[in-house]
């Protein structure tokens, strides 16, 4: 069983949490100004890396809050969790492709 460290409640079993998608996706300022292709890009296209990935999670059977986590998609290991709205931690080490999670891919 995975153990996830909620920034507010502490370490809990994975069954208390739900995945909320990729973290740090900014909503367009004026969605009505986007073309259908741009809107579809925002809604549906996300990265799917092999290695470290920043994700949103919700502690549904606890505090109910959203938070972000950096998880290794190969091992399912949660490298770090942090509150929503905070910057993604820098220099967490190389992912499997040799790039750092702190940099833009």
N, C-alpha and C. Protein backbone atom coordinates (compact mmCIF):
# COMPACT_ATOMS: atom_id res chain seq x y z
N UNK A 1 0.83 -1.17 0.00
CA UNK A 1 0.00 0.00 0.00
C UNK A 1 0.89 1.25 0.00
N UNK A 2 0.49 2.23 -0.79
CA UNK A 2 1.21 3.50 -0.81
C UNK A 2 0.82 4.34 0.41
N UNK A 3 1.78 5.06 0.91
CA UNK A 3 1.54 6.02 1.99
C UNK A 3 1.78 7.41 1.39
N UNK A 4 0.79 8.28 1.52
CA UNK A 4 0.88 9.64 0.97
C UNK A 4 0.89 10.62 2.14
N UNK A 5 1.81 11.57 2.08
CA UNK A 5 1.98 12.55 3.15
C UNK A 5 1.17 13.80 2.84
N UNK A 6 -0.04 13.92 3.42
CA UNK A 6 -0.87 15.11 3.23
C UNK A 6 -0.17 16.28 3.94
N UNK A 7 -0.02 17.43 3.28
CA UNK A 7 0.64 18.57 3.92
C UNK A 7 -0.07 19.06 5.19
N UNK A 8 -1.35 18.74 5.36
CA UNK A 8 -2.11 19.19 6.53
C UNK A 8 -2.30 18.09 7.56
N UNK A 9 -2.52 16.86 7.12
CA UNK A 9 -2.89 15.77 8.04
C UNK A 9 -1.77 14.79 8.33
N UNK A 10 -0.71 14.82 7.54
CA UNK A 10 0.37 13.87 7.73
C UNK A 10 0.20 12.62 6.87
N UNK A 11 0.95 11.60 7.19
CA UNK A 11 0.99 10.37 6.38
C UNK A 11 -0.28 9.55 6.59
N UNK A 12 -0.85 9.14 5.44
CA UNK A 12 -2.08 8.35 5.44
C UNK A 12 -2.02 7.33 4.30
N UNK A 13 -2.84 6.26 4.36
CA UNK A 13 -2.86 5.28 3.27
C UNK A 13 -3.50 5.84 2.01
N UNK A 14 -3.08 5.32 0.89
CA UNK A 14 -3.52 5.82 -0.41
C UNK A 14 -5.03 5.79 -0.62
N UNK A 15 -5.75 4.90 0.05
CA UNK A 15 -7.19 4.80 -0.14
C UNK A 15 -7.94 6.04 0.33
N UNK A 16 -7.28 6.92 1.08
CA UNK A 16 -7.90 8.17 1.53
C UNK A 16 -7.81 9.28 0.49
N UNK A 17 -7.12 9.05 -0.61
CA UNK A 17 -6.83 10.11 -1.58
C UNK A 17 -7.39 9.79 -2.96
N UNK A 18 -7.56 10.85 -3.75
CA UNK A 18 -7.96 10.70 -5.16
C UNK A 18 -7.07 11.58 -6.01
N UNK A 19 -6.67 11.03 -7.14
CA UNK A 19 -5.85 11.73 -8.12
C UNK A 19 -6.65 12.87 -8.74
N UNK A 20 -6.03 14.03 -8.93
CA UNK A 20 -6.73 15.19 -9.48
C UNK A 20 -6.14 15.73 -10.76
N UNK A 21 -5.23 14.99 -11.39
CA UNK A 21 -4.66 15.45 -12.65
C UNK A 21 -3.29 16.07 -12.49
N UNK A 22 -2.79 16.56 -13.60
CA UNK A 22 -1.47 17.18 -13.62
C UNK A 22 -1.49 18.50 -12.86
N UNK A 23 -0.45 18.77 -12.10
CA UNK A 23 -0.35 20.01 -11.33
C UNK A 23 0.18 21.15 -12.19
N UNK A 24 -0.08 22.34 -11.73
CA UNK A 24 0.46 23.57 -12.32
C UNK A 24 -0.03 23.83 -13.74
N UNK A 25 -1.29 23.51 -14.01
CA UNK A 25 -1.91 23.81 -15.29
C UNK A 25 -2.70 25.11 -15.10
N UNK A 26 -2.31 26.15 -15.80
CA UNK A 26 -2.98 27.45 -15.66
C UNK A 26 -4.19 27.52 -16.59
N UNK A 27 -5.32 27.92 -16.03
CA UNK A 27 -6.54 28.10 -16.83
C UNK A 27 -6.37 29.34 -17.69
N UNK A 28 -6.80 29.30 -18.95
CA UNK A 28 -6.70 30.47 -19.82
C UNK A 28 -7.46 31.66 -19.22
N UNK A 29 -6.88 32.85 -19.34
CA UNK A 29 -7.50 34.06 -18.79
C UNK A 29 -8.84 34.35 -19.46
N UNK A 30 -8.94 34.13 -20.77
CA UNK A 30 -10.18 34.39 -21.51
C UNK A 30 -10.49 33.17 -22.38
N UNK A 31 -11.13 32.14 -21.80
CA UNK A 31 -11.40 30.93 -22.57
C UNK A 31 -12.23 31.16 -23.83
N UNK A 32 -13.09 32.18 -23.83
CA UNK A 32 -13.95 32.42 -25.00
C UNK A 32 -13.14 32.94 -26.19
N UNK A 33 -11.91 33.41 -25.94
CA UNK A 33 -11.07 33.91 -27.02
C UNK A 33 -10.27 32.79 -27.70
N UNK A 34 -10.31 31.59 -27.14
CA UNK A 34 -9.53 30.48 -27.69
C UNK A 34 -10.27 29.82 -28.85
N UNK A 35 -9.48 29.32 -29.77
CA UNK A 35 -10.06 28.52 -30.86
C UNK A 35 -10.47 27.16 -30.29
N UNK A 36 -11.21 26.40 -31.06
CA UNK A 36 -11.59 25.06 -30.62
C UNK A 36 -10.36 24.19 -30.39
N UNK A 37 -9.36 24.34 -31.24
CA UNK A 37 -8.14 23.55 -31.10
C UNK A 37 -7.38 23.93 -29.83
N UNK A 38 -7.30 25.24 -29.52
CA UNK A 38 -6.61 25.69 -28.31
C UNK A 38 -7.36 25.23 -27.06
N UNK A 39 -8.69 25.30 -27.10
CA UNK A 39 -9.49 24.86 -25.95
C UNK A 39 -9.33 23.36 -25.74
N UNK A 40 -9.36 22.59 -26.81
CA UNK A 40 -9.16 21.14 -26.71
C UNK A 40 -7.77 20.84 -26.15
N UNK A 41 -6.76 21.58 -26.57
CA UNK A 41 -5.40 21.41 -26.06
C UNK A 41 -5.38 21.62 -24.55
N UNK A 42 -6.05 22.68 -24.07
CA UNK A 42 -6.09 22.95 -22.63
C UNK A 42 -6.84 21.83 -21.88
N UNK A 43 -7.95 21.40 -22.40
CA UNK A 43 -8.79 20.42 -21.70
C UNK A 43 -8.20 19.02 -21.67
N UNK A 44 -7.62 18.59 -22.76
CA UNK A 44 -7.31 17.16 -22.90
C UNK A 44 -5.84 16.78 -22.97
N UNK A 45 -4.98 17.65 -23.40
CA UNK A 45 -3.59 17.25 -23.60
C UNK A 45 -2.75 17.55 -22.38
N UNK A 46 -2.17 16.51 -21.84
CA UNK A 46 -1.29 16.62 -20.67
C UNK A 46 -0.03 15.81 -20.94
N UNK A 47 0.99 16.12 -20.16
CA UNK A 47 2.22 15.33 -20.29
C UNK A 47 1.98 13.96 -19.66
N UNK A 48 2.74 13.01 -20.08
CA UNK A 48 2.65 11.66 -19.54
C UNK A 48 4.07 11.11 -19.42
N UNK A 49 4.86 11.71 -18.52
CA UNK A 49 6.28 11.36 -18.48
C UNK A 49 6.55 10.02 -17.80
N UNK A 50 7.66 9.47 -18.16
CA UNK A 50 8.20 8.31 -17.46
C UNK A 50 9.23 8.88 -16.49
N UNK A 51 8.90 8.86 -15.23
CA UNK A 51 9.78 9.46 -14.22
C UNK A 51 9.02 10.41 -13.33
N UNK A 52 9.68 11.48 -12.89
CA UNK A 52 9.07 12.43 -11.97
C UNK A 52 7.98 13.25 -12.64
N UNK A 53 6.86 13.39 -11.94
CA UNK A 53 5.70 14.08 -12.50
C UNK A 53 4.98 14.83 -11.38
N UNK A 54 4.68 16.12 -11.60
CA UNK A 54 3.94 16.93 -10.62
C UNK A 54 2.45 16.71 -10.83
N UNK A 55 1.73 16.34 -9.75
CA UNK A 55 0.32 15.98 -9.84
C UNK A 55 -0.47 16.67 -8.73
N UNK A 56 -1.79 16.80 -8.96
CA UNK A 56 -2.71 17.27 -7.93
C UNK A 56 -3.37 16.05 -7.29
N UNK A 57 -3.54 16.11 -5.98
CA UNK A 57 -4.22 15.06 -5.24
C UNK A 57 -5.19 15.70 -4.27
N UNK A 58 -6.23 14.96 -3.89
CA UNK A 58 -7.20 15.46 -2.91
C UNK A 58 -7.34 14.43 -1.80
N UNK A 59 -7.29 14.91 -0.57
CA UNK A 59 -7.44 14.05 0.61
C UNK A 59 -8.93 13.95 0.94
N UNK A 60 -9.64 13.11 0.19
CA UNK A 60 -11.10 13.07 0.28
C UNK A 60 -11.61 12.48 1.59
N UNK A 61 -10.88 11.55 2.19
CA UNK A 61 -11.32 10.94 3.45
C UNK A 61 -10.50 11.50 4.61
N UNK A 62 -10.23 12.79 4.53
CA UNK A 62 -9.48 13.48 5.58
C UNK A 62 -9.91 14.94 5.58
N UNK A 63 -8.96 15.81 5.32
CA UNK A 63 -9.24 17.25 5.37
C UNK A 63 -10.01 17.75 4.15
N UNK A 64 -10.03 16.96 3.06
CA UNK A 64 -10.74 17.35 1.85
C UNK A 64 -10.00 18.33 0.97
N UNK A 65 -8.80 18.70 1.34
CA UNK A 65 -8.04 19.71 0.60
C UNK A 65 -7.25 19.11 -0.56
N UNK A 66 -7.04 19.96 -1.58
CA UNK A 66 -6.16 19.62 -2.68
C UNK A 66 -4.74 19.97 -2.30
N UNK A 67 -3.80 19.20 -2.80
CA UNK A 67 -2.38 19.50 -2.64
C UNK A 67 -1.66 18.94 -3.85
N UNK A 68 -0.40 19.31 -3.99
CA UNK A 68 0.40 18.83 -5.11
C UNK A 68 1.43 17.82 -4.60
N UNK A 69 1.83 16.96 -5.50
CA UNK A 69 2.84 15.95 -5.18
C UNK A 69 3.73 15.72 -6.39
N UNK A 70 4.97 15.43 -6.15
CA UNK A 70 5.86 14.96 -7.20
C UNK A 70 6.01 13.46 -6.98
N UNK A 71 5.60 12.70 -8.00
CA UNK A 71 5.59 11.24 -7.91
C UNK A 71 6.39 10.66 -9.06
N UNK A 72 7.13 9.61 -8.76
CA UNK A 72 7.85 8.88 -9.79
C UNK A 72 6.87 7.90 -10.43
N UNK A 73 6.56 8.09 -11.70
CA UNK A 73 5.57 7.25 -12.37
C UNK A 73 6.07 5.83 -12.63
N UNK A 74 7.36 5.60 -12.50
CA UNK A 74 7.90 4.26 -12.70
C UNK A 74 7.72 3.41 -11.44
N UNK A 75 8.04 4.00 -10.28
CA UNK A 75 7.99 3.25 -9.02
C UNK A 75 6.77 3.57 -8.17
N UNK A 76 6.01 4.61 -8.52
CA UNK A 76 4.88 5.13 -7.73
C UNK A 76 5.33 5.78 -6.43
N UNK A 77 6.60 6.01 -6.24
CA UNK A 77 7.13 6.64 -5.03
C UNK A 77 6.79 8.13 -5.03
N UNK A 78 6.24 8.62 -3.94
CA UNK A 78 5.96 10.05 -3.77
C UNK A 78 7.23 10.71 -3.24
N UNK A 79 7.85 11.54 -4.07
CA UNK A 79 9.11 12.19 -3.71
C UNK A 79 8.86 13.30 -2.70
N UNK A 80 7.83 14.12 -2.94
CA UNK A 80 7.51 15.23 -2.05
C UNK A 80 6.05 15.62 -2.26
N UNK A 81 5.41 16.13 -1.20
CA UNK A 81 4.08 16.73 -1.32
C UNK A 81 4.18 18.16 -0.81
N UNK A 82 3.31 19.03 -1.34
CA UNK A 82 3.32 20.44 -0.94
C UNK A 82 1.95 21.04 -1.20
N UNK A 83 1.65 22.12 -0.50
CA UNK A 83 0.33 22.73 -0.56
C UNK A 83 0.05 23.32 -1.94
N UNK A 84 -1.21 23.24 -2.36
CA UNK A 84 -1.63 23.86 -3.62
C UNK A 84 -1.33 25.35 -3.56
N UNK A 85 -0.87 25.89 -4.65
CA UNK A 85 -0.50 27.31 -4.70
C UNK A 85 0.97 27.56 -4.47
N UNK A 86 1.67 26.59 -3.89
CA UNK A 86 3.11 26.72 -3.70
C UNK A 86 3.83 26.32 -4.97
N UNK A 87 5.03 26.84 -5.16
CA UNK A 87 5.84 26.49 -6.31
C UNK A 87 6.30 25.04 -6.21
N UNK A 88 6.49 24.43 -7.36
CA UNK A 88 7.04 23.08 -7.41
C UNK A 88 8.47 23.13 -6.87
N UNK A 89 8.83 22.25 -5.96
CA UNK A 89 10.19 22.24 -5.42
C UNK A 89 11.22 22.04 -6.53
N UNK A 90 12.33 22.72 -6.40
CA UNK A 90 13.42 22.62 -7.37
C UNK A 90 14.42 21.55 -6.94
N UNK A 91 15.19 21.10 -7.91
CA UNK A 91 16.34 20.21 -7.67
C UNK A 91 15.99 18.96 -6.88
N UNK A 92 15.01 18.23 -7.35
CA UNK A 92 14.63 16.99 -6.70
C UNK A 92 15.43 15.81 -7.23
N UNK A 93 16.33 16.08 -8.13
CA UNK A 93 17.14 15.02 -8.69
C UNK A 93 16.72 14.71 -10.10
N UNK A 94 17.52 13.95 -10.80
CA UNK A 94 17.18 13.62 -12.19
C UNK A 94 16.07 12.59 -12.28
N UNK A 95 15.26 12.73 -13.31
CA UNK A 95 14.27 11.67 -13.56
C UNK A 95 14.93 10.64 -14.47
N UNK A 96 14.17 9.69 -14.95
CA UNK A 96 14.77 8.60 -15.71
C UNK A 96 15.36 9.05 -17.04
N UNK A 97 14.94 10.20 -17.55
CA UNK A 97 15.49 10.71 -18.79
C UNK A 97 16.69 11.64 -18.57
N UNK A 98 17.04 11.86 -17.30
CA UNK A 98 18.19 12.71 -16.99
C UNK A 98 17.84 14.18 -16.82
N UNK A 99 16.59 14.57 -16.99
CA UNK A 99 16.18 15.96 -16.80
C UNK A 99 15.73 16.17 -15.37
N UNK A 100 15.82 17.39 -14.88
CA UNK A 100 15.42 17.69 -13.54
C UNK A 100 13.95 18.09 -13.50
N UNK A 101 13.23 17.69 -12.46
CA UNK A 101 11.81 18.05 -12.35
C UNK A 101 11.64 19.54 -12.17
N UNK A 102 12.63 20.24 -11.66
CA UNK A 102 12.51 21.67 -11.44
C UNK A 102 12.52 22.47 -12.74
N UNK A 103 13.05 21.93 -13.79
CA UNK A 103 13.12 22.64 -15.07
C UNK A 103 11.92 22.35 -15.92
N UNK A 104 11.69 23.21 -16.90
CA UNK A 104 10.58 22.99 -17.83
C UNK A 104 11.00 21.95 -18.85
N UNK A 105 10.06 21.10 -19.22
CA UNK A 105 10.34 20.09 -20.23
C UNK A 105 9.65 20.45 -21.51
